Amino acid sequence: MNKNLMLLAALALGGCAMTSGSNMTQLEANTWQLQGASADAFTLQIAEGKVAGKGGCNRYFGGITKLDDQTLTLAGLGSTRMACMGDLMAKEGDYLQKLTQVASYQVSGNQLVLKDARQATLLTFDAKLAE
């Protein structure tokens, strides 16, 4: 009977370990499209300790200072410097500013929510389907 209890405990702990890594795995496995944005104007991709994507009309890039199952902080964001049409430049500036405020994230199915230090939602993304 003790062997059965130990086996169940090991399975339960193993399942928890797999679940705790899945948030980060999902985060890194997808390209994320900002909800409400047209086409692929605002995207986010995280891989190998770096962040990159499109911010409206420019590409942006940067580093990750902390990443675990719930925490995400970005640093050293930079971007290309192409001129944008209409109000896209202001939208891009707002988007990039929000990225600098990210303190945590939550992946739920095909949705990614980036939050600030107070747990207020900054940006919400959908997983971008492969083309």
C-alpha atoms as a PDB file:
ATOM      1  CA  MET A   1       0.000   0.000   0.000  1.00  0.00           C
ATOM      2  CA  ASN A   2       2.872   2.397   0.751  1.00  0.00           C
ATOM      3  CA  LYS A   3       4.206   1.807  -2.764  1.00  0.00           C
ATOM      4  CA  ASN A   4       0.839   2.810  -4.235  1.00  0.00           C
ATOM      5  CA  LEU A   5       0.747   6.013  -2.187  1.00  0.00           C
ATOM      6  CA  MET A   6       4.294   6.868  -3.196  1.00  0.00           C
ATOM      7  CA  LEU A   7       3.461   6.213  -6.851  1.00  0.00           C
ATOM      8  CA  LEU A   8       0.390   8.460  -6.648  1.00  0.00           C
ATOM      9  CA  ALA A   9       2.400  11.205  -4.946  1.00  0.00           C
ATOM     10  CA  ALA A  10       5.116  10.977  -7.591  1.00  0.00           C
ATOM     11  CA  LEU A  11       2.543  11.158 -10.383  1.00  0.00           C
ATOM     12  CA  ALA A  12       0.830  14.129  -8.760  1.00  0.00           C
ATOM     13  CA  LEU A  13       4.106  15.996  -8.315  1.00  0.00           C
ATOM     14  CA  GLY A  14       5.182  15.156 -11.841  1.00  0.00           C
ATOM     15  CA  GLY A  15       1.880  16.458 -13.173  1.00  0.00           C
ATOM     16  CA  CYS A  16       2.364  19.712 -11.259  1.00  0.00           C
ATOM     17  CA  ALA A  17       5.849  20.122 -12.689  1.00  0.00           C
ATOM     18  CA  MET A  18       4.559  19.609 -16.205  1.00  0.00           C
ATOM     19  CA  THR A  19       1.729  22.086 -15.669  1.00  0.00           C
ATOM     20  CA  SER A  20       4.000  24.782 -14.231  1.00  0.00           C
ATOM     21  CA  GLY A  21       6.227  24.650 -17.300  1.00  0.00           C
ATOM     22  CA  SER A  22       3.351  24.744 -19.766  1.00  0.00           C
ATOM     23  CA  ASN A  23       2.646  28.482 -19.341  1.00  0.00           C
ATOM     24  CA  MET A  24       6.195  29.363 -20.345  1.00  0.00           C
ATOM     25  CA  THR A  25       6.242  26.721 -23.090  1.00  0.00           C
ATOM     26  CA  GLN A  26       3.044  28.121 -24.610  1.00  0.00           C
ATOM     27  CA  LEU A  27       4.365  31.664 -24.333  1.00  0.00           C
ATOM     28  CA  GLU A  28       7.511  30.789 -26.264  1.00  0.00           C
ATOM     29  CA  ALA A  29       5.857  28.452 -28.781  1.00  0.00           C
ATOM     30  CA  ASN A  30       3.527  31.031 -30.307  1.00  0.00           C
ATOM     31  CA  THR A  31       3.613  34.265 -32.194  1.00  0.00           C
ATOM     32  CA  TRP A  32       1.037  36.508 -30.545  1.00  0.00           C
ATOM     33  CA  GLN A  33      -1.257  38.970 -32.327  1.00  0.00           C
ATOM     34  CA  LEU A  34      -2.587  41.960 -30.376  1.00  0.00           C
ATOM     35  CA  GLN A  35      -6.362  41.750 -30.034  1.00  0.00           C
ATOM     36  CA  GLY A  36      -8.161  44.350 -32.107  1.00  0.00           C
ATOM     37  CA  ALA A  37      -5.173  45.049 -34.360  1.00  0.00           C
ATOM     38  CA  SER A  38      -5.547  44.598 -38.082  1.00  0.00           C
ATOM     39  CA  ALA A  39      -3.491  42.083 -40.047  1.00  0.00           C
ATOM     40  CA  ASP A  40      -0.164  41.444 -38.317  1.00  0.00           C
ATOM     41  CA  ALA A  41       0.566  45.058 -37.358  1.00  0.00           C
ATOM     42  CA  PHE A  42       1.172  44.367 -33.638  1.00  0.00           C
ATOM     43  CA  THR A  43       2.832  41.062 -32.788  1.00  0.00           C
ATOM     44  CA  LEU A  44       4.927  39.602 -29.984  1.00  0.00           C
ATOM     45  CA  GLN A  45       7.313  36.681 -29.997  1.00  0.00           C
ATOM     46  CA  ILE A  46       9.447  35.434 -27.123  1.00  0.00           C
ATOM     47  CA  ALA A  47      12.295  33.000 -27.658  1.00  0.00           C
ATOM     48  CA  GLU A  48      15.770  32.319 -26.312  1.00  0.00           C
ATOM     49  CA  GLY A  49      15.699  35.136 -23.763  1.00  0.00           C
ATOM     50  CA  LYS A  50      14.628  37.775 -26.280  1.00  0.00           C
ATOM     51  CA  VAL A  51      11.461  39.555 -27.324  1.00  0.00           C
ATOM     52  CA  ALA A  52      10.677  40.730 -30.849  1.00  0.00           C
ATOM     53  CA  GLY A  53       7.744  41.633 -33.021  1.00  0.00           C
ATOM     54  CA  LYS A  54       5.989  44.311 -35.007  1.00  0.00           C
ATOM     55  CA  GLY A  55       4.804  47.464 -33.304  1.00  0.00           C
ATOM     56  CA  GLY A  56       2.563  48.947 -35.945  1.00  0.00           C
ATOM     57  CA  CYS A  57       4.924  49.823 -38.754  1.00  0.00           C
ATOM     58  CA  ASN A  58       8.317  49.187 -37.137  1.00  0.00           C
ATOM     59  CA  ARG A  59       9.940  46.028 -35.876  1.00  0.00           C
ATOM     60  CA  TYR A  60      10.997  46.015 -32.235  1.00  0.00           C
ATOM     61  CA  PHE A  61      13.383  43.858 -30.225  1.00  0.00           C
ATOM     62  CA  GLY A  62      14.747  43.609 -26.733  1.00  0.00           C
ATOM     63  CA  GLY A  63      15.865  41.451 -23.865  1.00  0.00           C
ATOM     64  CA  ILE A  64      14.112  39.615 -21.092  1.00  0.00           C
ATOM     65  CA  THR A  65      15.396  40.252 -17.579  1.00  0.00           C
ATOM     66  CA  LYS A  66      13.091  37.762 -15.868  1.00  0.00           C
ATOM     67  CA  LEU A  67      10.958  34.936 -17.191  1.00  0.00           C
ATOM     68  CA  ASP A  68       9.308  32.117 -15.288  1.00  0.00           C
ATOM     69  CA  ASP A  69       5.853  30.558 -15.176  1.00  0.00           C
ATOM     70  CA  GLN A  70       4.163  33.874 -14.255  1.00  0.00           C
ATOM     71  CA  THR A  71       6.783  36.631 -14.323  1.00  0.00           C
ATOM     72  CA  LEU A  72       7.941  38.463 -17.423  1.00  0.00           C
ATOM     73  CA  THR A  73       9.994  41.653 -17.472  1.00  0.00           C
ATOM     74  CA  LEU A  74      11.436  43.185 -20.614  1.00  0.00           C
ATOM     75  CA  ALA A  75      14.401  45.524 -20.962  1.00  0.00           C
ATOM     76  CA  GLY A  76      16.441  47.308 -23.578  1.00  0.00           C
ATOM     77  CA  LEU A  77      13.623  47.638 -26.089  1.00  0.00           C
ATOM     78  CA  GLY A  78      14.604  49.166 -29.401  1.00  0.00           C
ATOM     79  CA  SER A  79      12.963  49.471 -32.792  1.00  0.00           C
ATOM     80  CA  THR A  80      13.511  50.411 -36.371  1.00  0.00           C
ATOM     81  CA  ARG A  81      12.704  54.052 -37.180  1.00  0.00           C
ATOM     82  CA  MET A  82      10.389  54.060 -40.188  1.00  0.00           C
ATOM     83  CA  ALA A  83       7.716  56.750 -40.430  1.00  0.00           C
ATOM     84  CA  CYS A  84       4.146  55.579 -39.933  1.00  0.00           C
ATOM     85  CA  MET A  85       0.986  56.738 -41.703  1.00  0.00           C
ATOM     86  CA  GLY A  86      -1.839  58.454 -39.808  1.00  0.00           C
ATOM     87  CA  ASP A  87      -2.165  57.798 -36.084  1.00  0.00           C
ATOM     88  CA  LEU A  88      -0.191  54.545 -36.276  1.00  0.00           C
ATOM     89  CA  MET A  89       2.926  56.213 -34.821  1.00  0.00           C
ATOM     90  CA  ALA A  90       1.029  57.193 -31.641  1.00  0.00           C
ATOM     91  CA  LYS A  91      -0.482  53.709 -31.357  1.00  0.00           C
ATOM     92  CA  GLU A  92       2.964  52.180 -31.762  1.00  0.00           C
ATOM     93  CA  GLY A  93       4.412  54.463 -29.074  1.00  0.00           C
ATOM     94  CA  ASP A  94       1.620  53.492 -26.681  1.00  0.00           C
ATOM     95  CA  TYR A  95       2.150  49.785 -27.433  1.00  0.00           C
ATOM     96  CA  LEU A  96       5.911  49.954 -26.844  1.00  0.00           C
ATOM     97  CA  GLN A  97       5.401  51.961 -23.643  1.00  0.00           C
ATOM     98  CA  LYS A  98       3.060  49.279 -22.301  1.00  0.00           C
ATOM     99  CA  LEU A  99       5.637  46.593 -23.076  1.00  0.00           C
ATOM    100  CA  THR A 100       8.121  48.365 -20.769  1.00  0.00           C
ATOM    101  CA  GLN A 101       5.567  48.105 -17.932  1.00  0.00           C
ATOM    102  CA  VAL A 102       5.022  44.348 -18.170  1.00  0.00           C
ATOM    103  CA  ALA A 103       5.610  42.509 -14.895  1.00  0.00           C
ATOM    104  CA  SER A 104       3.659  39.276 -15.394  1.00  0.00           C
ATOM    105  CA  TYR A 105       1.752  37.267 -17.940  1.00  0.00           C
ATOM    106  CA  GLN A 106      -0.966  34.671 -18.133  1.00  0.00           C
ATOM    107  CA  VAL A 107      -1.574  32.182 -20.923  1.00  0.00           C
ATOM    108  CA  SER A 108      -5.047  30.703 -21.103  1.00  0.00           C
ATOM    109  CA  GLY A 109      -5.653  28.522 -24.131  1.00  0.00           C
ATOM    110  CA  ASN A 110      -4.851  30.652 -27.175  1.00  0.00           C
ATOM    111  CA  GLN A 111      -4.872  33.945 -25.266  1.00  0.00           C
ATOM    112  CA  LEU A 112      -1.973  35.821 -23.682  1.00  0.00           C
ATOM    113  CA  VAL A 113      -2.534  38.639 -21.173  1.00  0.00           C
ATOM    114  CA  LEU A 114       0.345  40.916 -20.156  1.00  0.00           C
ATOM    115  CA  LYS A 115      -0.072  42.676 -16.803  1.00  0.00           C
ATOM    116  CA  ASP A 116       1.709  45.405 -14.873  1.00  0.00           C
ATOM    117  CA  ALA A 117       3.028  45.193 -11.302  1.00  0.00           C
ATOM    118  CA  ARG A 118      -0.470  45.861  -9.896  1.00  0.00           C
ATOM    119  CA  GLN A 119      -1.889  43.011 -12.008  1.00  0.00           C
ATOM    120  CA  ALA A 120      -3.786  45.439 -14.262  1.00  0.00           C
ATOM    121  CA  THR A 121      -4.126  44.206 -17.837  1.00  0.00           C
ATOM    122  CA  LEU A 122      -1.880  46.081 -20.257  1.00  0.00           C
ATOM    123  CA  LEU A 123      -2.207  44.093 -23.481  1.00  0.00           C
ATOM    124  CA  THR A 124      -4.170  41.053 -24.639  1.00  0.00           C
ATOM    125  CA  PHE A 125      -3.038  38.852 -27.517  1.00  0.00           C
ATOM    126  CA  ASP A 126      -4.323  35.846 -29.435  1.00  0.00           C
ATOM    127  CA  ALA A 127      -2.077  33.082 -30.698  1.00  0.00           C
ATOM    128  CA  LYS A 128      -1.425  33.748 -34.367  1.00  0.00           C
ATOM    129  CA  LEU A 129      -2.371  30.817 -36.559  1.00  0.00           C
ATOM    130  CA  ALA A 130       0.360  29.401 -38.778  1.00  0.00           C
ATOM    131  CA  GLU A 131       0.009  30.542 -42.364  1.00  0.00           C
END
